[in-house]
């Protein structure tokens, strides 16, 4: 379910696995490897879950910063965790 009442989507485990594997391959293509730190800056949408699970699938650590944070707050969190990639 999304932030707005009535915002919802349905997805099967098979569809989710397919999307996660696709995005994990994108991350690997960007040079992300096990132990790398990734920041995810997205609202409550399906792609947030896909990105989080793709990071876990390849062994990358992820930090989720919800889209309501300001640019300064996002910058502080990126610098604090030393992330090598930002997913928006």
C-alpha atoms as a PDB file:
ATOM      1  CA  UNK A   1       0.000   0.000   0.000  1.00  0.00           C
ATOM      2  CA  UNK A   2       1.184   3.499  -0.806  1.00  0.00           C
ATOM      3  CA  UNK A   3       1.010   6.742   1.129  1.00  0.00           C
ATOM      4  CA  UNK A   4      -2.335   7.812  -0.307  1.00  0.00           C
ATOM      5  CA  UNK A   5      -5.519   5.970   0.655  1.00  0.00           C
ATOM      6  CA  UNK A   6      -6.477   3.756  -2.218  1.00  0.00           C
ATOM      7  CA  UNK A   7      -2.928   3.523  -3.611  1.00  0.00           C
ATOM      8  CA  UNK A   8      -2.173  -0.161  -3.777  1.00  0.00           C
ATOM      9  CA  UNK A   9      -0.681  -2.691  -6.150  1.00  0.00           C
ATOM     10  CA  UNK A  10      -0.543  -6.456  -6.287  1.00  0.00           C
ATOM     11  CA  UNK A  11       2.455  -8.463  -7.413  1.00  0.00           C
ATOM     12  CA  UNK A  12       3.214 -12.162  -7.322  1.00  0.00           C
ATOM     13  CA  UNK A  13       6.351 -13.603  -5.758  1.00  0.00           C
ATOM     14  CA  UNK A  14       7.484 -14.659  -9.226  1.00  0.00           C
ATOM     15  CA  UNK A  15       7.062 -11.144 -10.637  1.00  0.00           C
ATOM     16  CA  UNK A  16       8.869  -9.664  -7.641  1.00  0.00           C
ATOM     17  CA  UNK A  17      11.753 -12.116  -7.998  1.00  0.00           C
ATOM     18  CA  UNK A  18      12.069 -11.234 -11.687  1.00  0.00           C
ATOM     19  CA  UNK A  19      12.192  -7.486 -10.936  1.00  0.00           C
ATOM     20  CA  UNK A  20      14.682  -7.972  -8.080  1.00  0.00           C
ATOM     21  CA  UNK A  21      17.014 -10.082 -10.249  1.00  0.00           C
ATOM     22  CA  UNK A  22      16.821  -7.507 -13.054  1.00  0.00           C
ATOM     23  CA  UNK A  23      17.713  -4.657 -10.711  1.00  0.00           C
ATOM     24  CA  UNK A  24      20.465  -6.681  -9.031  1.00  0.00           C
ATOM     25  CA  UNK A  25      22.009  -7.087 -12.494  1.00  0.00           C
ATOM     26  CA  UNK A  26      21.754  -3.310 -13.017  1.00  0.00           C
ATOM     27  CA  UNK A  27      23.563  -2.738  -9.727  1.00  0.00           C
ATOM     28  CA  UNK A  28      26.268  -5.253 -10.657  1.00  0.00           C
ATOM     29  CA  UNK A  29      26.626  -3.441 -13.986  1.00  0.00           C
ATOM     30  CA  UNK A  30      27.293  -0.247 -12.035  1.00  0.00           C
ATOM     31  CA  UNK A  31      30.095  -1.995 -10.171  1.00  0.00           C
ATOM     32  CA  UNK A  32      28.240  -2.638  -6.910  1.00  0.00           C
ATOM     33  CA  UNK A  33      29.575  -5.658  -5.041  1.00  0.00           C
ATOM     34  CA  UNK A  34      29.148  -7.403  -1.717  1.00  0.00           C
ATOM     35  CA  UNK A  35      29.820  -5.066   1.207  1.00  0.00           C
ATOM     36  CA  UNK A  36      29.270  -1.820  -0.737  1.00  0.00           C
ATOM     37  CA  UNK A  37      26.990   0.747   0.880  1.00  0.00           C
ATOM     38  CA  UNK A  38      23.993   2.035  -1.060  1.00  0.00           C
ATOM     39  CA  UNK A  39      21.517   4.792  -0.169  1.00  0.00           C
ATOM     40  CA  UNK A  40      17.952   4.515  -1.429  1.00  0.00           C
ATOM     41  CA  UNK A  41      15.962   7.772  -1.685  1.00  0.00           C
ATOM     42  CA  UNK A  42      12.451   6.849  -2.811  1.00  0.00           C
ATOM     43  CA  UNK A  43       8.842   7.300  -1.705  1.00  0.00           C
ATOM     44  CA  UNK A  44       6.736   4.301  -0.652  1.00  0.00           C
ATOM     45  CA  UNK A  45       6.507   2.654  -4.078  1.00  0.00           C
ATOM     46  CA  UNK A  46       7.167  -0.849  -5.346  1.00  0.00           C
ATOM     47  CA  UNK A  47      10.574   0.182  -6.694  1.00  0.00           C
ATOM     48  CA  UNK A  48      11.725   0.892  -3.119  1.00  0.00           C
ATOM     49  CA  UNK A  49      11.107  -2.730  -2.177  1.00  0.00           C
ATOM     50  CA  UNK A  50      12.754  -3.971  -5.379  1.00  0.00           C
ATOM     51  CA  UNK A  51      15.860  -1.834  -4.773  1.00  0.00           C
ATOM     52  CA  UNK A  52      16.110  -2.933  -1.142  1.00  0.00           C
ATOM     53  CA  UNK A  53      15.799  -6.623  -2.004  1.00  0.00           C
ATOM     54  CA  UNK A  54      18.235  -6.304  -4.927  1.00  0.00           C
ATOM     55  CA  UNK A  55      20.843  -4.832  -2.561  1.00  0.00           C
ATOM     56  CA  UNK A  56      20.279  -7.681  -0.132  1.00  0.00           C
ATOM     57  CA  UNK A  57      20.495 -10.204  -2.967  1.00  0.00           C
ATOM     58  CA  UNK A  58      24.013  -9.112  -3.950  1.00  0.00           C
ATOM     59  CA  UNK A  59      25.147  -8.492  -0.365  1.00  0.00           C
ATOM     60  CA  UNK A  60      25.282  -4.704  -0.516  1.00  0.00           C
ATOM     61  CA  UNK A  61      24.313  -2.783   2.609  1.00  0.00           C
ATOM     62  CA  UNK A  62      21.452  -0.361   2.106  1.00  0.00           C
ATOM     63  CA  UNK A  63      20.225   2.707   3.921  1.00  0.00           C
ATOM     64  CA  UNK A  64      16.717   3.897   3.142  1.00  0.00           C
ATOM     65  CA  UNK A  65      16.082   7.642   3.282  1.00  0.00           C
ATOM     66  CA  UNK A  66      12.434   8.408   2.650  1.00  0.00           C
ATOM     67  CA  UNK A  67      11.669  11.022   0.013  1.00  0.00           C
ATOM     68  CA  UNK A  68      10.262  13.475   2.556  1.00  0.00           C
ATOM     69  CA  UNK A  69      13.741  14.385   3.830  1.00  0.00           C
ATOM     70  CA  UNK A  70      15.413  17.603   2.694  1.00  0.00           C
ATOM     71  CA  UNK A  71      18.503  17.684   0.473  1.00  0.00           C
ATOM     72  CA  UNK A  72      20.670  18.601   3.480  1.00  0.00           C
ATOM     73  CA  UNK A  73      19.373  15.655   5.511  1.00  0.00           C
ATOM     74  CA  UNK A  74      19.965  13.327   2.574  1.00  0.00           C
ATOM     75  CA  UNK A  75      23.503  14.680   2.154  1.00  0.00           C
ATOM     76  CA  UNK A  76      24.307  14.090   5.828  1.00  0.00           C
ATOM     77  CA  UNK A  77      23.078  10.505   5.685  1.00  0.00           C
ATOM     78  CA  UNK A  78      25.042   9.790   2.491  1.00  0.00           C
ATOM     79  CA  UNK A  79      28.236  11.157   4.001  1.00  0.00           C
ATOM     80  CA  UNK A  80      27.695   9.393   7.335  1.00  0.00           C
ATOM     81  CA  UNK A  81      27.323   5.951   5.788  1.00  0.00           C
ATOM     82  CA  UNK A  82      29.936   6.507   3.065  1.00  0.00           C
ATOM     83  CA  UNK A  83      27.692   5.188   0.333  1.00  0.00           C
ATOM     84  CA  UNK A  84      29.032   4.544  -3.139  1.00  0.00           C
ATOM     85  CA  UNK A  85      25.680   4.782  -4.972  1.00  0.00           C
ATOM     86  CA  UNK A  86      22.395   6.647  -4.534  1.00  0.00           C
ATOM     87  CA  UNK A  87      19.204   5.130  -5.926  1.00  0.00           C
ATOM     88  CA  UNK A  88      16.484   7.706  -6.605  1.00  0.00           C
END
